[in-house]
Amino acid sequence: MDQRTEQVAALPLQLFGGRLKVLLITSRDTGRWIMPKGWPMDGEQDWRAAEIEALEEAGVEGTISRKPIGEFEYAKVFNDGTSVQVKATVYPLYVDKVKRRWKERHQRKRHWFSPKGAAKALKQPELEDLLLDLKNDPRKNKSIRELLP
């Protein structure tokens, strides 16, 4: 596994009664909780590709930041057993619309978590601090502050 590649991820957020929540989805293969993410797309900015992934994988639309708020690395294992080290760049997306019908609705579940709950569910150490900071004061992060109503 000496190869490394990049992905883009969306962090869907919404305020519920003044409290920030994070939307996670299950992976298609293992069913573990993940963020909507995918490969960069030809002809699209990375933030736009993350926005498209959020719509296809989680069925959410909203306002996405053009500035990433973090990144994390993980080993992506393919169906043939090969794997590659991936660095995923995360773009926050404030959710305006949650669709009842979306492209991957039969392949994934989705659930709103508190930032602390999302940190636990994701099991991505690089994101834990970011998510726990959101729990304390999401407006401290400029990219997120600009998205919040």
N, C-alpha and C. Protein backbone atom coordinates (compact mmCIF):
# COMPACT_ATOMS: atom_id res chain seq x y z
N MET A 1 0.84 -1.19 0.00
CA MET A 1 0.00 0.00 0.00
C MET A 1 0.88 1.25 0.00
N ASP A 2 1.68 1.44 -1.04
CA ASP A 2 2.54 2.61 -1.12
C ASP A 2 1.95 3.68 -2.00
N GLN A 3 0.77 3.44 -2.53
CA GLN A 3 0.09 4.40 -3.38
C GLN A 3 -0.77 5.31 -2.49
N ARG A 4 -0.90 6.59 -2.87
CA ARG A 4 -1.75 7.51 -2.11
C ARG A 4 -2.55 8.35 -3.09
N THR A 5 -3.80 8.56 -2.76
CA THR A 5 -4.67 9.33 -3.64
C THR A 5 -5.54 10.25 -2.79
N GLU A 6 -6.33 11.07 -3.47
CA GLU A 6 -7.14 12.05 -2.74
C GLU A 6 -8.62 11.88 -3.03
N GLN A 7 -9.43 12.20 -2.03
CA GLN A 7 -10.88 12.24 -2.17
C GLN A 7 -11.38 13.56 -1.58
N VAL A 8 -12.65 13.82 -1.84
CA VAL A 8 -13.33 14.98 -1.27
C VAL A 8 -14.49 14.46 -0.43
N ALA A 9 -14.77 15.15 0.68
CA ALA A 9 -15.85 14.73 1.57
C ALA A 9 -16.69 15.94 1.96
N ALA A 10 -17.97 15.68 2.20
CA ALA A 10 -18.86 16.72 2.70
C ALA A 10 -19.19 16.41 4.15
N LEU A 11 -19.26 17.44 4.97
CA LEU A 11 -19.71 17.30 6.36
C LEU A 11 -21.05 18.02 6.46
N PRO A 12 -22.16 17.28 6.27
CA PRO A 12 -23.48 17.90 6.34
C PRO A 12 -23.83 18.31 7.77
N LEU A 13 -24.24 19.57 7.93
CA LEU A 13 -24.55 20.14 9.24
C LEU A 13 -25.93 20.78 9.21
N GLN A 14 -26.57 20.83 10.38
CA GLN A 14 -27.84 21.55 10.50
C GLN A 14 -28.05 21.90 11.97
N LEU A 15 -28.75 23.00 12.19
CA LEU A 15 -29.11 23.38 13.56
C LEU A 15 -30.50 22.84 13.86
N PHE A 16 -30.62 22.17 15.00
CA PHE A 16 -31.90 21.66 15.50
C PHE A 16 -32.10 22.29 16.87
N GLY A 17 -33.07 23.19 16.99
CA GLY A 17 -33.29 23.84 18.28
C GLY A 17 -32.05 24.53 18.81
N GLY A 18 -31.26 25.12 17.92
CA GLY A 18 -30.05 25.82 18.34
C GLY A 18 -28.83 24.93 18.52
N ARG A 19 -29.03 23.63 18.43
CA ARG A 19 -27.91 22.68 18.59
C ARG A 19 -27.46 22.17 17.22
N LEU A 20 -26.14 22.16 17.03
CA LEU A 20 -25.58 21.69 15.78
C LEU A 20 -25.62 20.16 15.71
N LYS A 21 -26.05 19.65 14.57
CA LYS A 21 -26.06 18.20 14.32
C LYS A 21 -25.28 17.92 13.05
N VAL A 22 -24.72 16.71 12.97
CA VAL A 22 -23.90 16.27 11.85
C VAL A 22 -24.58 15.04 11.24
N LEU A 23 -24.75 15.04 9.92
CA LEU A 23 -25.37 13.90 9.25
C LEU A 23 -24.29 12.95 8.75
N LEU A 24 -24.39 11.69 9.16
CA LEU A 24 -23.50 10.64 8.66
C LEU A 24 -24.33 9.61 7.91
N ILE A 25 -23.64 8.86 7.07
CA ILE A 25 -24.28 7.80 6.31
C ILE A 25 -23.50 6.51 6.53
N THR A 26 -24.11 5.39 6.18
CA THR A 26 -23.38 4.12 6.27
C THR A 26 -22.67 3.85 4.96
N SER A 27 -21.55 3.17 5.06
CA SER A 27 -20.84 2.73 3.85
C SER A 27 -21.65 1.59 3.23
N ARG A 28 -21.49 1.42 1.93
CA ARG A 28 -22.25 0.37 1.25
C ARG A 28 -21.75 -1.02 1.61
N ASP A 29 -20.45 -1.15 1.85
CA ASP A 29 -19.90 -2.48 2.06
C ASP A 29 -19.95 -2.94 3.52
N THR A 30 -19.44 -2.14 4.44
CA THR A 30 -19.34 -2.59 5.84
C THR A 30 -20.47 -2.08 6.73
N GLY A 31 -21.19 -1.04 6.28
CA GLY A 31 -22.25 -0.47 7.10
C GLY A 31 -21.75 0.42 8.23
N ARG A 32 -20.46 0.75 8.23
CA ARG A 32 -19.95 1.66 9.27
C ARG A 32 -20.32 3.09 8.91
N TRP A 33 -20.31 3.97 9.92
CA TRP A 33 -20.68 5.37 9.70
C TRP A 33 -19.55 6.12 9.05
N ILE A 34 -19.88 6.88 8.00
CA ILE A 34 -18.90 7.66 7.24
C ILE A 34 -19.53 8.99 6.84
N MET A 35 -18.69 9.87 6.32
CA MET A 35 -19.16 11.10 5.68
C MET A 35 -19.38 10.81 4.20
N PRO A 36 -20.29 11.51 3.55
CA PRO A 36 -20.39 11.39 2.10
C PRO A 36 -19.05 11.82 1.49
N LYS A 37 -18.51 10.99 0.63
CA LYS A 37 -17.22 11.34 0.01
C LYS A 37 -17.05 10.60 -1.30
N GLY A 38 -16.11 11.08 -2.09
CA GLY A 38 -15.85 10.45 -3.38
C GLY A 38 -14.61 11.04 -4.02
N TRP A 39 -14.40 10.65 -5.25
CA TRP A 39 -13.22 11.09 -6.00
C TRP A 39 -13.45 12.49 -6.57
N PRO A 40 -12.38 13.26 -6.73
CA PRO A 40 -12.53 14.53 -7.44
C PRO A 40 -13.12 14.27 -8.83
N MET A 41 -13.83 15.25 -9.36
CA MET A 41 -14.51 15.09 -10.65
C MET A 41 -13.92 16.03 -11.68
N ASP A 42 -13.67 15.49 -12.87
CA ASP A 42 -13.16 16.31 -13.96
C ASP A 42 -14.12 17.47 -14.23
N GLY A 43 -13.58 18.66 -14.34
CA GLY A 43 -14.38 19.82 -14.66
C GLY A 43 -15.12 20.43 -13.48
N GLU A 44 -14.95 19.87 -12.27
CA GLU A 44 -15.63 20.40 -11.08
C GLU A 44 -14.60 20.80 -10.03
N GLN A 45 -14.88 21.88 -9.33
CA GLN A 45 -14.07 22.24 -8.17
C GLN A 45 -14.26 21.15 -7.11
N ASP A 46 -13.28 20.96 -6.24
CA ASP A 46 -13.38 19.91 -5.22
C ASP A 46 -14.58 20.12 -4.31
N TRP A 47 -14.86 21.37 -3.91
CA TRP A 47 -16.01 21.62 -3.04
C TRP A 47 -17.31 21.24 -3.74
N ARG A 48 -17.38 21.46 -5.04
CA ARG A 48 -18.59 21.11 -5.81
C ARG A 48 -18.73 19.59 -5.91
N ALA A 49 -17.62 18.88 -6.09
CA ALA A 49 -17.65 17.42 -6.12
C ALA A 49 -18.15 16.88 -4.78
N ALA A 50 -17.72 17.48 -3.68
CA ALA A 50 -18.19 17.07 -2.35
C ALA A 50 -19.69 17.31 -2.22
N GLU A 51 -20.16 18.42 -2.76
CA GLU A 51 -21.58 18.75 -2.73
C GLU A 51 -22.40 17.72 -3.52
N ILE A 52 -21.89 17.30 -4.66
CA ILE A 52 -22.56 16.29 -5.48
C ILE A 52 -22.60 14.96 -4.74
N GLU A 53 -21.51 14.59 -4.09
CA GLU A 53 -21.47 13.34 -3.31
C GLU A 53 -22.50 13.38 -2.18
N ALA A 54 -22.66 14.52 -1.52
CA ALA A 54 -23.64 14.64 -0.44
C ALA A 54 -25.05 14.41 -0.97
N LEU A 55 -25.34 14.91 -2.15
CA LEU A 55 -26.66 14.70 -2.74
C LEU A 55 -26.87 13.23 -3.13
N GLU A 56 -25.88 12.64 -3.81
CA GLU A 56 -26.03 11.26 -4.27
C GLU A 56 -26.04 10.25 -3.12
N GLU A 57 -25.14 10.42 -2.15
CA GLU A 57 -24.98 9.42 -1.10
C GLU A 57 -25.90 9.64 0.10
N ALA A 58 -26.16 10.92 0.44
CA ALA A 58 -26.95 11.22 1.65
C ALA A 58 -28.30 11.86 1.34
N GLY A 59 -28.50 12.30 0.11
CA GLY A 59 -29.78 12.91 -0.25
C GLY A 59 -30.00 14.27 0.38
N VAL A 60 -28.92 15.05 0.54
CA VAL A 60 -29.05 16.37 1.13
C VAL A 60 -28.53 17.45 0.18
N GLU A 61 -29.18 18.60 0.27
CA GLU A 61 -28.77 19.78 -0.51
C GLU A 61 -28.64 20.94 0.47
N GLY A 62 -27.80 21.90 0.10
CA GLY A 62 -27.64 23.07 0.94
C GLY A 62 -26.53 23.96 0.44
N THR A 63 -25.94 24.67 1.35
CA THR A 63 -24.86 25.61 1.04
C THR A 63 -23.55 25.01 1.51
N ILE A 64 -22.61 24.87 0.58
CA ILE A 64 -21.32 24.27 0.93
C ILE A 64 -20.25 25.35 0.95
N SER A 65 -19.31 25.20 1.87
CA SER A 65 -18.19 26.13 1.93
C SER A 65 -17.19 25.78 0.83
N ARG A 66 -16.61 26.79 0.26
CA ARG A 66 -15.57 26.56 -0.75
C ARG A 66 -14.22 26.35 -0.09
N LYS A 67 -14.19 26.50 1.24
CA LYS A 67 -12.94 26.32 1.99
C LYS A 67 -13.05 25.05 2.83
N PRO A 68 -12.06 24.17 2.74
CA PRO A 68 -12.11 22.96 3.56
C PRO A 68 -11.92 23.29 5.04
N ILE A 69 -12.46 22.42 5.89
CA ILE A 69 -12.29 22.62 7.34
C ILE A 69 -11.37 21.58 7.95
N GLY A 70 -10.90 20.65 7.16
CA GLY A 70 -10.00 19.63 7.69
C GLY A 70 -9.78 18.53 6.68
N GLU A 71 -9.03 17.55 7.11
CA GLU A 71 -8.78 16.39 6.26
C GLU A 71 -8.49 15.19 7.16
N PHE A 72 -8.62 14.02 6.57
CA PHE A 72 -8.29 12.81 7.30
C PHE A 72 -7.77 11.78 6.32
N GLU A 73 -7.03 10.81 6.84
CA GLU A 73 -6.50 9.74 6.00
C GLU A 73 -7.10 8.42 6.42
N TYR A 74 -7.26 7.54 5.45
CA TYR A 74 -7.75 6.20 5.73
C TYR A 74 -7.30 5.26 4.62
N ALA A 75 -7.40 3.97 4.87
CA ALA A 75 -7.07 2.97 3.86
C ALA A 75 -8.35 2.56 3.16
N LYS A 76 -8.44 2.85 1.87
CA LYS A 76 -9.60 2.46 1.05
C LYS A 76 -9.33 1.07 0.50
N VAL A 77 -10.19 0.12 0.86
CA VAL A 77 -10.04 -1.26 0.38
C VAL A 77 -11.05 -1.49 -0.74
N PHE A 78 -10.56 -1.95 -1.86
CA PHE A 78 -11.41 -2.21 -3.02
C PHE A 78 -11.94 -3.64 -3.00
N ASN A 79 -12.94 -3.90 -3.83
CA ASN A 79 -13.58 -5.22 -3.88
C ASN A 79 -12.59 -6.35 -4.17
N ASP A 80 -11.54 -6.05 -4.92
CA ASP A 80 -10.57 -7.10 -5.27
C ASP A 80 -9.53 -7.33 -4.16
N GLY A 81 -9.69 -6.61 -3.02
CA GLY A 81 -8.78 -6.80 -1.90
C GLY A 81 -7.60 -5.85 -1.89
N THR A 82 -7.36 -5.14 -2.99
CA THR A 82 -6.28 -4.16 -3.00
C THR A 82 -6.71 -2.93 -2.20
N SER A 83 -5.74 -2.16 -1.77
CA SER A 83 -6.07 -0.96 -1.01
C SER A 83 -5.14 0.18 -1.39
N VAL A 84 -5.58 1.37 -1.04
CA VAL A 84 -4.80 2.57 -1.32
C VAL A 84 -4.99 3.51 -0.13
N GLN A 85 -3.94 4.25 0.20
CA GLN A 85 -4.03 5.25 1.27
C GLN A 85 -4.68 6.50 0.67
N VAL A 86 -5.74 6.98 1.31
CA VAL A 86 -6.50 8.11 0.80
C VAL A 86 -6.45 9.28 1.79
N LYS A 87 -6.24 10.47 1.24
CA LYS A 87 -6.40 11.69 2.04
C LYS A 87 -7.70 12.34 1.57
N ALA A 88 -8.65 12.50 2.49
CA ALA A 88 -9.94 13.11 2.15
C ALA A 88 -9.98 14.53 2.72
N THR A 89 -10.29 15.48 1.86
CA THR A 89 -10.44 16.87 2.26
C THR A 89 -11.92 17.13 2.54
N VAL A 90 -12.21 17.73 3.69
CA VAL A 90 -13.59 17.87 4.17
C VAL A 90 -14.11 19.30 3.99
N TYR A 91 -15.29 19.40 3.36
CA TYR A 91 -15.97 20.67 3.14
C TYR A 91 -17.29 20.66 3.92
N PRO A 92 -17.51 21.67 4.79
CA PRO A 92 -18.79 21.71 5.52
C PRO A 92 -19.93 22.12 4.59
N LEU A 93 -21.10 21.51 4.81
CA LEU A 93 -22.28 21.79 4.00
C LEU A 93 -23.44 22.02 4.96
N TYR A 94 -24.03 23.22 4.92
CA TYR A 94 -25.20 23.48 5.76
C TYR A 94 -26.43 22.99 5.00
N VAL A 95 -27.14 22.03 5.57
CA VAL A 95 -28.25 21.37 4.90
C VAL A 95 -29.52 22.22 4.95
N ASP A 96 -30.07 22.49 3.75
CA ASP A 96 -31.35 23.19 3.62
C ASP A 96 -32.47 22.22 3.31
N LYS A 97 -32.13 21.11 2.64
CA LYS A 97 -33.16 20.19 2.18
C LYS A 97 -32.68 18.75 2.35
N VAL A 98 -33.52 17.93 3.00
CA VAL A 98 -33.26 16.50 3.13
C VAL A 98 -34.28 15.79 2.25
N LYS A 99 -33.79 15.14 1.21
CA LYS A 99 -34.69 14.49 0.25
C LYS A 99 -35.19 13.15 0.78
N ARG A 100 -36.41 12.82 0.46
CA ARG A 100 -36.96 11.52 0.82
C ARG A 100 -36.51 10.45 -0.16
N ARG A 101 -36.26 10.87 -1.39
CA ARG A 101 -35.80 9.94 -2.43
C ARG A 101 -34.49 10.49 -2.99
N TRP A 102 -33.46 9.64 -3.00
CA TRP A 102 -32.17 10.05 -3.54
C TRP A 102 -31.48 8.82 -4.13
N LYS A 103 -30.43 9.08 -4.88
CA LYS A 103 -29.78 8.05 -5.70
C LYS A 103 -29.42 6.77 -4.92
N GLU A 104 -28.78 6.90 -3.77
CA GLU A 104 -28.28 5.72 -3.06
C GLU A 104 -29.12 5.36 -1.83
N ARG A 105 -30.39 5.74 -1.83
CA ARG A 105 -31.24 5.52 -0.65
C ARG A 105 -31.43 4.05 -0.30
N HIS A 106 -31.32 3.16 -1.28
CA HIS A 106 -31.50 1.73 -1.00
C HIS A 106 -30.19 1.06 -0.55
N GLN A 107 -29.10 1.81 -0.61
CA GLN A 107 -27.79 1.24 -0.28
C GLN A 107 -27.21 1.76 1.03
N ARG A 108 -27.82 2.82 1.58
CA ARG A 108 -27.24 3.46 2.76
C ARG A 108 -28.33 3.87 3.75
N LYS A 109 -27.92 4.00 5.01
CA LYS A 109 -28.77 4.61 6.03
C LYS A 109 -28.15 5.97 6.34
N ARG A 110 -28.93 6.87 6.89
CA ARG A 110 -28.40 8.16 7.33
C ARG A 110 -28.94 8.46 8.72
N HIS A 111 -28.16 9.23 9.48
CA HIS A 111 -28.55 9.55 10.85
C HIS A 111 -27.89 10.86 11.27
N TRP A 112 -28.67 11.69 11.99
CA TRP A 112 -28.13 12.94 12.55
C TRP A 112 -27.50 12.63 13.91
N PHE A 113 -26.26 13.07 14.09
CA PHE A 113 -25.51 12.88 15.33
C PHE A 113 -25.16 14.23 15.94
N SER A 114 -24.96 14.26 17.24
CA SER A 114 -24.31 15.41 17.86
C SER A 114 -22.86 15.39 17.36
N PRO A 115 -22.15 16.51 17.42
CA PRO A 115 -20.74 16.48 17.01
C PRO A 115 -19.93 15.43 17.80
N LYS A 116 -20.21 15.31 19.10
CA LYS A 116 -19.51 14.32 19.92
C LYS A 116 -19.86 12.90 19.47
N GLY A 117 -21.15 12.66 19.20
CA GLY A 117 -21.58 11.36 18.72
C GLY A 117 -20.98 11.03 17.36
N ALA A 118 -20.88 12.04 16.49
CA ALA A 118 -20.29 11.84 15.17
C ALA A 118 -18.81 11.49 15.30
N ALA A 119 -18.12 12.16 16.21
CA ALA A 119 -16.70 11.88 16.43
C ALA A 119 -16.51 10.42 16.84
N LYS A 120 -17.36 9.94 17.72
CA LYS A 120 -17.28 8.53 18.15
C LYS A 120 -17.62 7.58 17.00
N ALA A 121 -18.69 7.89 16.26
CA ALA A 121 -19.16 7.00 15.21
C ALA A 121 -18.18 6.91 14.04
N LEU A 122 -17.51 8.03 13.72
CA LEU A 122 -16.61 8.05 12.56
C LEU A 122 -15.32 7.29 12.79
N LYS A 123 -14.84 7.30 14.01
CA LYS A 123 -13.57 6.63 14.33
C LYS A 123 -12.43 7.15 13.45
N GLN A 124 -12.40 8.46 13.25
CA GLN A 124 -11.32 9.12 12.50
C GLN A 124 -10.63 10.08 13.46
N PRO A 125 -9.49 9.69 14.05
CA PRO A 125 -8.84 10.55 15.05
C PRO A 125 -8.59 11.98 14.56
N GLU A 126 -8.26 12.13 13.26
CA GLU A 126 -7.96 13.47 12.75
C GLU A 126 -9.17 14.39 12.79
N LEU A 127 -10.38 13.81 12.79
CA LEU A 127 -11.59 14.62 12.80
C LEU A 127 -12.17 14.82 14.19
N GLU A 128 -11.69 14.05 15.14
CA GLU A 128 -12.27 14.12 16.48
C GLU A 128 -12.17 15.53 17.07
N ASP A 129 -11.00 16.15 16.99
CA ASP A 129 -10.83 17.50 17.55
C ASP A 129 -11.74 18.50 16.84
N LEU A 130 -11.80 18.41 15.52
CA LEU A 130 -12.66 19.30 14.75
C LEU A 130 -14.11 19.17 15.19
N LEU A 131 -14.60 17.95 15.28
CA LEU A 131 -15.99 17.73 15.66
C LEU A 131 -16.26 18.14 17.10
N LEU A 132 -15.31 17.89 17.99
CA LEU A 132 -15.51 18.29 19.39
C LEU A 132 -15.49 19.82 19.52
N ASP A 133 -14.71 20.50 18.69
CA ASP A 133 -14.74 21.97 18.68
C ASP A 133 -16.12 22.47 18.24
N LEU A 134 -16.74 21.77 17.30
CA LEU A 134 -18.08 22.16 16.84
C LEU A 134 -19.09 22.02 17.97
N LYS A 135 -18.87 21.02 18.82
CA LYS A 135 -19.76 20.81 19.96
C LYS A 135 -19.73 22.02 20.88
N ASN A 136 -18.52 22.54 21.07
CA ASN A 136 -18.36 23.66 22.00
C ASN A 136 -18.83 24.98 21.40
N ASP A 137 -18.38 25.28 20.20
CA ASP A 137 -18.76 26.55 19.57
C ASP A 137 -18.54 26.48 18.07
N PRO A 138 -19.57 26.06 17.31
CA PRO A 138 -19.38 25.92 15.87
C PRO A 138 -19.02 27.23 15.18
N ARG A 139 -19.37 28.35 15.78
CA ARG A 139 -19.11 29.65 15.13
C ARG A 139 -17.64 30.06 15.22
N LYS A 140 -16.84 29.31 16.00
CA LYS A 140 -15.40 29.59 16.06
C LYS A 140 -14.72 29.30 14.73
N ASN A 141 -15.28 28.36 13.97
CA ASN A 141 -14.70 28.00 12.68
C ASN A 141 -15.30 28.92 11.61
N LYS A 142 -14.44 29.72 10.96
CA LYS A 142 -14.92 30.71 10.00
C LYS A 142 -15.73 30.10 8.86
N SER A 143 -15.26 28.96 8.32
CA SER A 143 -15.97 28.33 7.20
C SER A 143 -17.37 27.89 7.61
N ILE A 144 -17.51 27.44 8.84
CA ILE A 144 -18.83 27.00 9.31
C ILE A 144 -19.68 28.20 9.70
N ARG A 145 -19.06 29.18 10.35
CA ARG A 145 -19.79 30.39 10.76
C ARG A 145 -20.47 31.05 9.56
N GLU A 146 -19.78 31.07 8.43
CA GLU A 146 -20.33 31.69 7.22
C GLU A 146 -21.53 30.93 6.68
N LEU A 147 -21.68 29.65 7.01
CA LEU A 147 -22.78 28.83 6.52
C LEU A 147 -24.02 28.90 7.41
N LEU A 148 -23.82 29.14 8.70
CA LEU A 148 -24.93 29.08 9.66
C LEU A 148 -25.89 30.24 9.49
N PRO A 149 -27.19 29.97 9.66
CA PRO A 149 -28.17 31.06 9.54
C PRO A 149 -28.07 32.04 10.72
